[in-house]
Amino acid sequence: MRFISLCTVLGAALLPVASAAPCRPSKPTSALETTATTTAVSETAAATTLESSATYASTSVIETTLTETATPTEITATGFTTLVSSTAESTASEDVTTTVSEEAGPTNYVHNGGFEDTSNTDWTVRTAEIKKSRAKAHSGERYAELAVKNTLAVGGNHINQTINGLDKKTIYRLTFYVTVLNKQLSIGAATCKVEALQGSTVIQSWPLDYQSLGEYKEHTVDFKPIADGFEFDLRLRCTQENKVTLTVALDDVSITEVGPAPEPSI
């Protein structure tokens, strides 16, 4: 009886333990789910990161490749275009320059008409002088100066040269520039002029201008030569009333062809 009671007591004591549901901690389940979720998130993040990295790397490589490939091409193309353009412009400029230089003006039969050739093998200078002064020359820096000081000027002050290669059936034009320099001037009642001659024949004469001292005046005349070649002369000549003092400058002398001389009328 006592034995049964003890068993009963023990059974009653052990029954709740045996009949109760097994102890399953709630934490492990959460940990498992969290781990799974974290793993999934990590995998997703890794995949995203990988995809992003791959995309970025791929894009960067492609863009870099395209950019680096395009840039040399553009540079090369631009350089080539510039080179061709420069060459074309340079060629065009050279052609234009050559063409212009080949289009020579009319022949001047007077050699060293501007007196710039310092050797001066063409002009014969008598009681005259070729001087250097950019301020007093009509062009360049040299001119011919005919000076008279308190003496009679009857044609002894002149310059001359031999002209060749002309045609007696052609009209030519003589052009030159003259001025009275603003130096000491005394002419009294005398009349002074510049004369152009072929041989001993006067082509034309021009009175001097005393109103515009130092300012050049152009003189021109068309004439027919007396021969294919002749002695050309420019001289200062004054009337013989009195002695004179003056200085005359000549520059840029030319003789150029105009055209055929008219046939003589019958």
C-alpha atoms as a PDB file:
ATOM      1  CA  MET A   1       0.000   0.000   0.000  1.00  0.00           C
ATOM      2  CA  ARG A   2       2.769   2.327   0.902  1.00  0.00           C
ATOM      3  CA  PHE A   3       4.590   1.176  -2.217  1.00  0.00           C
ATOM      4  CA  ILE A   4       1.667   2.057  -4.443  1.00  0.00           C
ATOM      5  CA  SER A   5       1.333   5.397  -2.848  1.00  0.00           C
ATOM      6  CA  LEU A   6       4.979   6.061  -3.512  1.00  0.00           C
ATOM      7  CA  CYS A   7       4.624   5.062  -7.136  1.00  0.00           C
ATOM      8  CA  THR A   8       1.542   7.077  -7.450  1.00  0.00           C
ATOM      9  CA  VAL A   9       3.278  10.030  -6.034  1.00  0.00           C
ATOM     10  CA  LEU A  10       6.254   9.564  -8.281  1.00  0.00           C
ATOM     11  CA  GLY A  11       4.006   9.052 -11.281  1.00  0.00           C
ATOM     12  CA  ALA A  12       2.005  12.098 -10.494  1.00  0.00           C
ATOM     13  CA  ALA A  13       5.175  14.089 -10.096  1.00  0.00           C
ATOM     14  CA  LEU A  14       6.667  12.873 -13.332  1.00  0.00           C
ATOM     15  CA  LEU A  15       3.507  13.025 -15.434  1.00  0.00           C
ATOM     16  CA  PRO A  16       3.546  16.779 -16.146  1.00  0.00           C
ATOM     17  CA  VAL A  17       7.121  16.504 -17.242  1.00  0.00           C
ATOM     18  CA  ALA A  18       6.447  13.568 -19.520  1.00  0.00           C
ATOM     19  CA  SER A  19       3.182  14.884 -20.954  1.00  0.00           C
ATOM     20  CA  ALA A  20       4.397  18.428 -21.532  1.00  0.00           C
ATOM     21  CA  ALA A  21       5.539  19.457 -25.060  1.00  0.00           C
ATOM     22  CA  PRO A  22       9.239  19.304 -25.673  1.00  0.00           C
ATOM     23  CA  CYS A  23      11.097  22.469 -24.842  1.00  0.00           C
ATOM     24  CA  ARG A  24      11.832  24.246 -28.178  1.00  0.00           C
ATOM     25  CA  PRO A  25      13.506  27.544 -27.634  1.00  0.00           C
ATOM     26  CA  SER A  26      11.978  30.395 -29.655  1.00  0.00           C
ATOM     27  CA  LYS A  27      15.327  32.060 -30.114  1.00  0.00           C
ATOM     28  CA  PRO A  28      16.935  29.423 -32.347  1.00  0.00           C
ATOM     29  CA  THR A  29      14.089  29.752 -34.888  1.00  0.00           C
ATOM     30  CA  SER A  30      14.495  33.499 -35.038  1.00  0.00           C
ATOM     31  CA  ALA A  31      18.212  33.120 -35.361  1.00  0.00           C
ATOM     32  CA  LEU A  32      17.794  30.687 -38.204  1.00  0.00           C
ATOM     33  CA  GLU A  33      15.352  32.943 -40.004  1.00  0.00           C
ATOM     34  CA  THR A  34      17.554  35.951 -39.392  1.00  0.00           C
ATOM     35  CA  THR A  35      20.549  34.049 -40.655  1.00  0.00           C
ATOM     36  CA  ALA A  36      18.645  32.968 -43.719  1.00  0.00           C
ATOM     37  CA  THR A  37      17.359  36.451 -44.287  1.00  0.00           C
ATOM     38  CA  THR A  38      20.788  37.942 -43.730  1.00  0.00           C
ATOM     39  CA  THR A  39      22.279  35.408 -46.070  1.00  0.00           C
ATOM     40  CA  ALA A  40      19.642  36.185 -48.656  1.00  0.00           C
ATOM     41  CA  VAL A  41      20.158  39.902 -48.206  1.00  0.00           C
ATOM     42  CA  SER A  42      23.902  39.438 -48.314  1.00  0.00           C
ATOM     43  CA  GLU A  43      23.617  37.384 -51.456  1.00  0.00           C
ATOM     44  CA  THR A  44      21.263  39.947 -52.937  1.00  0.00           C
ATOM     45  CA  ALA A  45      23.578  42.772 -51.930  1.00  0.00           C
ATOM     46  CA  ALA A  46      26.538  40.847 -53.217  1.00  0.00           C
ATOM     47  CA  ALA A  47      24.701  40.159 -56.433  1.00  0.00           C
ATOM     48  CA  THR A  48      23.687  43.786 -56.654  1.00  0.00           C
ATOM     49  CA  THR A  49      27.203  44.897 -55.869  1.00  0.00           C
ATOM     50  CA  LEU A  50      28.613  42.444 -58.332  1.00  0.00           C
ATOM     51  CA  GLU A  51      26.125  43.475 -60.959  1.00  0.00           C
ATOM     52  CA  SER A  52      26.740  47.141 -60.241  1.00  0.00           C
ATOM     53  CA  SER A  53      30.481  46.620 -60.260  1.00  0.00           C
ATOM     54  CA  ALA A  54      30.271  44.615 -63.411  1.00  0.00           C
ATOM     55  CA  THR A  55      28.043  47.169 -65.032  1.00  0.00           C
ATOM     56  CA  TYR A  56      30.221  50.044 -63.897  1.00  0.00           C
ATOM     57  CA  ALA A  57      33.401  48.288 -64.853  1.00  0.00           C
ATOM     58  CA  SER A  58      31.967  47.255 -68.178  1.00  0.00           C
ATOM     59  CA  THR A  59      30.587  50.684 -68.862  1.00  0.00           C
ATOM     60  CA  SER A  60      33.795  52.354 -67.786  1.00  0.00           C
ATOM     61  CA  VAL A  61      35.837  50.059 -69.947  1.00  0.00           C
ATOM     62  CA  ILE A  62      33.549  50.581 -72.914  1.00  0.00           C
ATOM     63  CA  GLU A  63      33.376  54.335 -72.424  1.00  0.00           C
ATOM     64  CA  THR A  64      37.094  54.538 -71.830  1.00  0.00           C
ATOM     65  CA  THR A  65      37.787  52.403 -74.846  1.00  0.00           C
ATOM     66  CA  LEU A  66      35.421  54.407 -77.016  1.00  0.00           C
ATOM     67  CA  THR A  67      36.738  57.705 -75.728  1.00  0.00           C
ATOM     68  CA  GLU A  68      40.355  56.753 -76.109  1.00  0.00           C
ATOM     69  CA  THR A  69      39.679  55.317 -79.524  1.00  0.00           C
ATOM     70  CA  ALA A  70      37.610  58.289 -80.656  1.00  0.00           C
ATOM     71  CA  THR A  71      39.983  60.924 -79.380  1.00  0.00           C
ATOM     72  CA  PRO A  72      43.007  59.833 -81.411  1.00  0.00           C
ATOM     73  CA  THR A  73      40.758  59.458 -84.442  1.00  0.00           C
ATOM     74  CA  GLU A  74      39.337  62.933 -83.990  1.00  0.00           C
ATOM     75  CA  ILE A  75      42.777  64.354 -83.317  1.00  0.00           C
ATOM     76  CA  THR A  76      44.176  62.551 -86.298  1.00  0.00           C
ATOM     77  CA  ALA A  77      41.276  63.647 -88.463  1.00  0.00           C
ATOM     78  CA  THR A  78      41.512  67.208 -87.225  1.00  0.00           C
ATOM     79  CA  GLY A  79      45.247  67.264 -87.679  1.00  0.00           C
ATOM     80  CA  PHE A  80      44.908  65.849 -91.161  1.00  0.00           C
ATOM     81  CA  THR A  81      42.232  68.363 -92.073  1.00  0.00           C
ATOM     82  CA  THR A  82      44.318  71.204 -90.692  1.00  0.00           C
ATOM     83  CA  LEU A  83      47.358  69.961 -92.535  1.00  0.00           C
ATOM     84  CA  VAL A  84      45.466  69.712 -95.807  1.00  0.00           C
ATOM     85  CA  SER A  85      43.835  73.083 -95.235  1.00  0.00           C
ATOM     86  CA  SER A  86      47.141  74.718 -94.379  1.00  0.00           C
ATOM     87  CA  THR A  87      48.795  73.121 -97.367  1.00  0.00           C
ATOM     88  CA  ALA A  88      45.960  74.230 -99.605  1.00  0.00           C
ATOM     89  CA  GLU A  89      46.042  77.769 -98.249  1.00  0.00           C
ATOM     90  CA  SER A  90      49.803  77.897 -98.473  1.00  0.00           C
ATOM     91  CA  THR A  91      49.721  76.598-102.024  1.00  0.00           C
ATOM     92  CA  ALA A  92      46.982  79.038-102.926  1.00  0.00           C
ATOM     93  CA  SER A  93      48.915  81.920-101.392  1.00  0.00           C
ATOM     94  CA  GLU A  94      52.073  80.917-103.204  1.00  0.00           C
ATOM     95  CA  ASP A  95      50.174  80.610-106.467  1.00  0.00           C
ATOM     96  CA  VAL A  96      48.608  84.031-106.016  1.00  0.00           C
ATOM     97  CA  THR A  97      51.933  85.585-105.092  1.00  0.00           C
ATOM     98  CA  THR A  98      53.633  83.952-108.052  1.00  0.00           C
ATOM     99  CA  THR A  99      50.855  85.047-110.392  1.00  0.00           C
ATOM    100  CA  VAL A 100      50.993  88.627-109.157  1.00  0.00           C
ATOM    101  CA  SER A 101      54.772  88.789-109.401  1.00  0.00           C
ATOM    102  CA  GLU A 102      54.635  87.469-112.957  1.00  0.00           C
ATOM    103  CA  GLU A 103      52.247  90.241-113.990  1.00  0.00           C
ATOM    104  CA  ALA A 104      54.965  92.808-114.578  1.00  0.00           C
ATOM    105  CA  GLY A 105      54.052  96.422-115.194  1.00  0.00           C
ATOM    106  CA  PRO A 106      55.066  98.396-118.265  1.00  0.00           C
ATOM    107  CA  THR A 107      58.763  98.432-119.045  1.00  0.00           C
ATOM    108  CA  ASN A 108      60.610 101.488-117.843  1.00  0.00           C
ATOM    109  CA  TYR A 109      63.300 102.330-120.372  1.00  0.00           C
ATOM    110  CA  VAL A 110      64.981 104.631-117.854  1.00  0.00           C
ATOM    111  CA  HIS A 111      67.365 102.662-115.655  1.00  0.00           C
ATOM    112  CA  ASN A 112      67.576 103.526-111.963  1.00  0.00           C
ATOM    113  CA  GLY A 113      64.839 106.109-112.376  1.00  0.00           C
ATOM    114  CA  GLY A 114      64.381 106.322-108.596  1.00  0.00           C
ATOM    115  CA  PHE A 115      68.145 106.746-107.972  1.00  0.00           C
ATOM    116  CA  GLU A 116      68.070 103.975-105.348  1.00  0.00           C
ATOM    117  CA  ASP A 117      70.922 101.990-106.948  1.00  0.00           C
ATOM    118  CA  THR A 118      73.923 103.352-105.098  1.00  0.00           C
ATOM    119  CA  SER A 119      76.392 102.190-107.747  1.00  0.00           C
ATOM    120  CA  ASN A 120      74.700 104.598-110.204  1.00  0.00           C
ATOM    121  CA  THR A 121      76.179 103.195-113.395  1.00  0.00           C
ATOM    122  CA  ASP A 122      73.322 104.574-115.522  1.00  0.00           C
ATOM    123  CA  TRP A 123      73.151 108.298-114.863  1.00  0.00           C
ATOM    124  CA  THR A 124      75.787 110.847-115.762  1.00  0.00           C
ATOM    125  CA  VAL A 125      75.605 113.563-113.128  1.00  0.00           C
ATOM    126  CA  ARG A 126      77.018 116.980-114.046  1.00  0.00           C
ATOM    127  CA  THR A 127      76.975 119.846-111.592  1.00  0.00           C
ATOM    128  CA  ALA A 128      74.326 117.803-109.780  1.00  0.00           C
ATOM    129  CA  GLU A 129      74.332 115.202-107.022  1.00  0.00           C
ATOM    130  CA  ILE A 130      72.401 112.103-105.994  1.00  0.00           C
ATOM    131  CA  LYS A 131      71.526 112.523-102.337  1.00  0.00           C
ATOM    132  CA  LYS A 132      70.061 110.337 -99.625  1.00  0.00           C
ATOM    133  CA  SER A 133      67.156 111.636 -97.559  1.00  0.00           C
ATOM    134  CA  ARG A 134      63.881 109.820 -97.000  1.00  0.00           C
ATOM    135  CA  ALA A 135      62.267 113.123 -96.017  1.00  0.00           C
ATOM    136  CA  LYS A 136      63.278 114.864 -99.247  1.00  0.00           C
ATOM    137  CA  ALA A 137      62.876 111.996-101.740  1.00  0.00           C
ATOM    138  CA  HIS A 138      59.577 111.502-103.529  1.00  0.00           C
ATOM    139  CA  SER A 139      59.828 107.763-102.857  1.00  0.00           C
ATOM    140  CA  GLY A 140      62.499 105.579-101.331  1.00  0.00           C
ATOM    141  CA  GLU A 141      65.364 107.537 -99.821  1.00  0.00           C
ATOM    142  CA  ARG A 142      67.374 108.921-102.762  1.00  0.00           C
ATOM    143  CA  TYR A 143      66.829 111.687-105.302  1.00  0.00           C
ATOM    144  CA  ALA A 144      68.792 113.863-107.743  1.00  0.00           C
ATOM    145  CA  GLU A 145      69.580 117.381-106.583  1.00  0.00           C
ATOM    146  CA  LEU A 146      70.394 120.260-108.926  1.00  0.00           C
ATOM    147  CA  ALA A 147      71.663 123.225-106.921  1.00  0.00           C
ATOM    148  CA  VAL A 148      72.648 126.683-108.089  1.00  0.00           C
ATOM    149  CA  LYS A 149      74.168 129.259-105.767  1.00  0.00           C
ATOM    150  CA  ASN A 150      74.416 132.865-106.873  1.00  0.00           C
ATOM    151  CA  THR A 151      75.237 132.075-110.458  1.00  0.00           C
ATOM    152  CA  LEU A 152      73.634 131.941-113.879  1.00  0.00           C
ATOM    153  CA  ALA A 153      71.728 128.722-114.557  1.00  0.00           C
ATOM    154  CA  VAL A 154      71.839 128.295-118.318  1.00  0.00           C
ATOM    155  CA  GLY A 155      71.509 124.520-118.574  1.00  0.00           C
ATOM    156  CA  GLY A 156      74.755 123.353-117.063  1.00  0.00           C
ATOM    157  CA  ASN A 157      73.002 121.684-114.119  1.00  0.00           C
ATOM    158  CA  HIS A 158      71.638 118.403-115.462  1.00  0.00           C
ATOM    159  CA  ILE A 159      71.594 114.613-115.393  1.00  0.00           C
ATOM    160  CA  ASN A 160      71.480 112.333-118.423  1.00  0.00           C
ATOM    161  CA  GLN A 161      71.629 108.699-119.575  1.00  0.00           C
ATOM    162  CA  THR A 162      71.467 106.784-122.851  1.00  0.00           C
ATOM    163  CA  ILE A 163      68.063 105.270-123.649  1.00  0.00           C
ATOM    164  CA  ASN A 164      67.993 102.214-125.933  1.00  0.00           C
ATOM    165  CA  GLY A 165      65.475  99.734-127.304  1.00  0.00           C
ATOM    166  CA  LEU A 166      62.816 102.208-128.431  1.00  0.00           C
ATOM    167  CA  ASP A 167      60.761 102.087-131.623  1.00  0.00           C
ATOM    168  CA  LYS A 168      60.355 105.199-133.750  1.00  0.00           C
ATOM    169  CA  LYS A 169      56.842 104.048-134.687  1.00  0.00           C
ATOM    170  CA  THR A 170      55.701 103.981-131.052  1.00  0.00           C
ATOM    171  CA  ILE A 171      54.539 106.712-128.689  1.00  0.00           C
ATOM    172  CA  TYR A 172      56.218 106.820-125.268  1.00  0.00           C
ATOM    173  CA  ARG A 173      55.335 108.630-122.064  1.00  0.00           C
ATOM    174  CA  LEU A 174      57.893 110.503-119.985  1.00  0.00           C
ATOM    175  CA  THR A 175      57.004 110.937-116.306  1.00  0.00           C
ATOM    176  CA  PHE A 176      59.021 112.443-113.475  1.00  0.00           C
ATOM    177  CA  TYR A 177      58.542 114.358-110.208  1.00  0.00           C
ATOM    178  CA  VAL A 178      60.121 117.697-109.330  1.00  0.00           C
ATOM    179  CA  THR A 179      60.120 120.162-106.446  1.00  0.00           C
ATOM    180  CA  VAL A 180      61.982 123.247-105.296  1.00  0.00           C
ATOM    181  CA  LEU A 181      63.415 122.401-101.895  1.00  0.00           C
ATOM    182  CA  ASN A 182      62.774 124.777 -99.035  1.00  0.00           C
ATOM    183  CA  LYS A 183      66.336 126.003 -98.826  1.00  0.00           C
ATOM    184  CA  GLN A 184      67.763 129.454 -99.512  1.00  0.00           C
ATOM    185  CA  LEU A 185      65.915 130.788-102.541  1.00  0.00           C
ATOM    186  CA  SER A 186      66.735 133.826-104.658  1.00  0.00           C
ATOM    187  CA  ILE A 187      65.677 134.106-108.276  1.00  0.00           C
ATOM    188  CA  GLY A 188      64.999 137.809-108.723  1.00  0.00           C
ATOM    189  CA  ALA A 189      63.346 138.436-112.068  1.00  0.00           C
ATOM    190  CA  ALA A 190      64.638 135.222-113.625  1.00  0.00           C
ATOM    191  CA  THR A 191      62.319 132.531-114.901  1.00  0.00           C
ATOM    192  CA  CYS A 192      63.502 128.999-114.175  1.00  0.00           C
ATOM    193  CA  LYS A 193      62.265 125.701-115.584  1.00  0.00           C
ATOM    194  CA  VAL A 194      63.113 122.031-115.973  1.00  0.00           C
ATOM    195  CA  GLU A 195      63.654 120.785-119.519  1.00  0.00           C
ATOM    196  CA  ALA A 196      63.550 117.228-120.918  1.00  0.00           C
ATOM    197  CA  LEU A 197      65.560 116.551-124.065  1.00  0.00           C
ATOM    198  CA  GLN A 198      66.194 113.684-126.465  1.00  0.00           C
ATOM    199  CA  GLY A 199      69.568 114.472-127.920  1.00  0.00           C
ATOM    200  CA  SER A 200      69.565 118.213-128.533  1.00  0.00           C
ATOM    201  CA  THR A 201      65.815 118.371-129.117  1.00  0.00           C
ATOM    202  CA  VAL A 202      63.661 119.673-126.284  1.00  0.00           C
ATOM    203  CA  ILE A 203      60.738 117.322-125.618  1.00  0.00           C
ATOM    204  CA  GLN A 204      59.013 119.634-123.137  1.00  0.00           C
ATOM    205  CA  SER A 205      59.783 122.260-120.488  1.00  0.00           C
ATOM    206  CA  TRP A 206      57.965 122.959-117.198  1.00  0.00           C
ATOM    207  CA  PRO A 207      58.227 126.123-115.076  1.00  0.00           C
ATOM    208  CA  LEU A 208      59.152 125.612-111.432  1.00  0.00           C
ATOM    209  CA  ASP A 209      56.591 126.031-108.665  1.00  0.00           C
ATOM    210  CA  TYR A 210      57.825 128.298-105.873  1.00  0.00           C
ATOM    211  CA  GLN A 211      54.550 128.269-103.961  1.00  0.00           C
ATOM    212  CA  SER A 212      54.745 124.695-102.642  1.00  0.00           C
ATOM    213  CA  LEU A 213      58.351 124.299-101.584  1.00  0.00           C
ATOM    214  CA  GLY A 214      59.285 120.709-100.774  1.00  0.00           C
ATOM    215  CA  GLU A 215      56.112 119.285-102.351  1.00  0.00           C
ATOM    216  CA  TYR A 216      56.666 117.167-105.448  1.00  0.00           C
ATOM    217  CA  LYS A 217      54.702 117.822-108.607  1.00  0.00           C
ATOM    218  CA  GLU A 218      54.251 115.235-111.352  1.00  0.00           C
ATOM    219  CA  HIS A 219      55.177 116.156-114.905  1.00  0.00           C
ATOM    220  CA  THR A 220      54.299 113.952-117.878  1.00  0.00           C
ATOM    221  CA  VAL A 221      54.390 114.190-121.654  1.00  0.00           C
ATOM    222  CA  ASP A 222      53.863 111.774-124.551  1.00  0.00           C
ATOM    223  CA  PHE A 223      56.437 111.897-127.319  1.00  0.00           C
ATOM    224  CA  LYS A 224      57.732 110.060-130.357  1.00  0.00           C
ATOM    225  CA  PRO A 225      61.448 109.201-130.264  1.00  0.00           C
ATOM    226  CA  ILE A 226      63.722 110.577-132.948  1.00  0.00           C
ATOM    227  CA  ALA A 227      65.694 107.304-132.957  1.00  0.00           C
ATOM    228  CA  ASP A 228      65.684 103.821-131.440  1.00  0.00           C
ATOM    229  CA  GLY A 229      68.239 105.124-128.945  1.00  0.00           C
ATOM    230  CA  PHE A 230      69.162 108.630-127.838  1.00  0.00           C
ATOM    231  CA  GLU A 231      70.753 110.662-125.060  1.00  0.00           C
ATOM    232  CA  PHE A 232      68.052 111.584-122.558  1.00  0.00           C
ATOM    233  CA  ASP A 233      68.604 114.733-120.515  1.00  0.00           C
ATOM    234  CA  LEU A 234      66.882 116.509-117.607  1.00  0.00           C
ATOM    235  CA  ARG A 235      68.290 119.973-116.890  1.00  0.00           C
ATOM    236  CA  LEU A 236      67.655 123.142-114.925  1.00  0.00           C
ATOM    237  CA  ARG A 237      67.595 126.296-117.029  1.00  0.00           C
ATOM    238  CA  CYS A 238      66.882 129.884-116.071  1.00  0.00           C
ATOM    239  CA  THR A 239      66.734 133.057-118.118  1.00  0.00           C
ATOM    240  CA  GLN A 240      69.866 135.174-118.018  1.00  0.00           C
ATOM    241  CA  GLU A 241      68.494 138.291-116.340  1.00  0.00           C
ATOM    242  CA  ASN A 242      70.390 137.687-113.128  1.00  0.00           C
ATOM    243  CA  LYS A 243      72.166 135.183-110.977  1.00  0.00           C
ATOM    244  CA  VAL A 244      70.009 132.801-108.977  1.00  0.00           C
ATOM    245  CA  THR A 245      70.176 130.657-105.876  1.00  0.00           C
ATOM    246  CA  LEU A 246      67.879 127.639-105.652  1.00  0.00           C
ATOM    247  CA  THR A 247      67.862 123.874-105.240  1.00  0.00           C
ATOM    248  CA  VAL A 248      65.721 121.542-107.349  1.00  0.00           C
ATOM    249  CA  ALA A 249      65.011 117.861-106.612  1.00  0.00           C
ATOM    250  CA  LEU A 250      64.116 115.250-109.259  1.00  0.00           C
ATOM    251  CA  ASP A 251      62.850 111.722-108.589  1.00  0.00           C
ATOM    252  CA  ASP A 252      61.067 108.675-110.070  1.00  0.00           C
ATOM    253  CA  VAL A 253      61.863 109.224-113.746  1.00  0.00           C
ATOM    254  CA  SER A 254      60.291 106.823-116.255  1.00  0.00           C
ATOM    255  CA  ILE A 255      59.757 106.363-119.980  1.00  0.00           C
ATOM    256  CA  THR A 256      57.071 103.787-120.800  1.00  0.00           C
ATOM    257  CA  GLU A 257      55.340 102.628-123.950  1.00  0.00           C
ATOM    258  CA  VAL A 258      51.901 104.063-124.764  1.00  0.00           C
ATOM    259  CA  GLY A 259      51.057 102.512-128.128  1.00  0.00           C
ATOM    260  CA  PRO A 260      51.619 102.717-131.879  1.00  0.00           C
ATOM    261  CA  ALA A 261      52.216 106.162-133.308  1.00  0.00           C
ATOM    262  CA  PRO A 262      49.482 107.361-135.687  1.00  0.00           C
ATOM    263  CA  GLU A 263      50.225 107.065-139.367  1.00  0.00           C
ATOM    264  CA  PRO A 264      51.261 110.371-140.920  1.00  0.00           C
ATOM    265  CA  SER A 265      48.459 111.991-142.883  1.00  0.00           C
ATOM    266  CA  ILE A 266      48.938 112.289-146.623  1.00  0.00           C
END
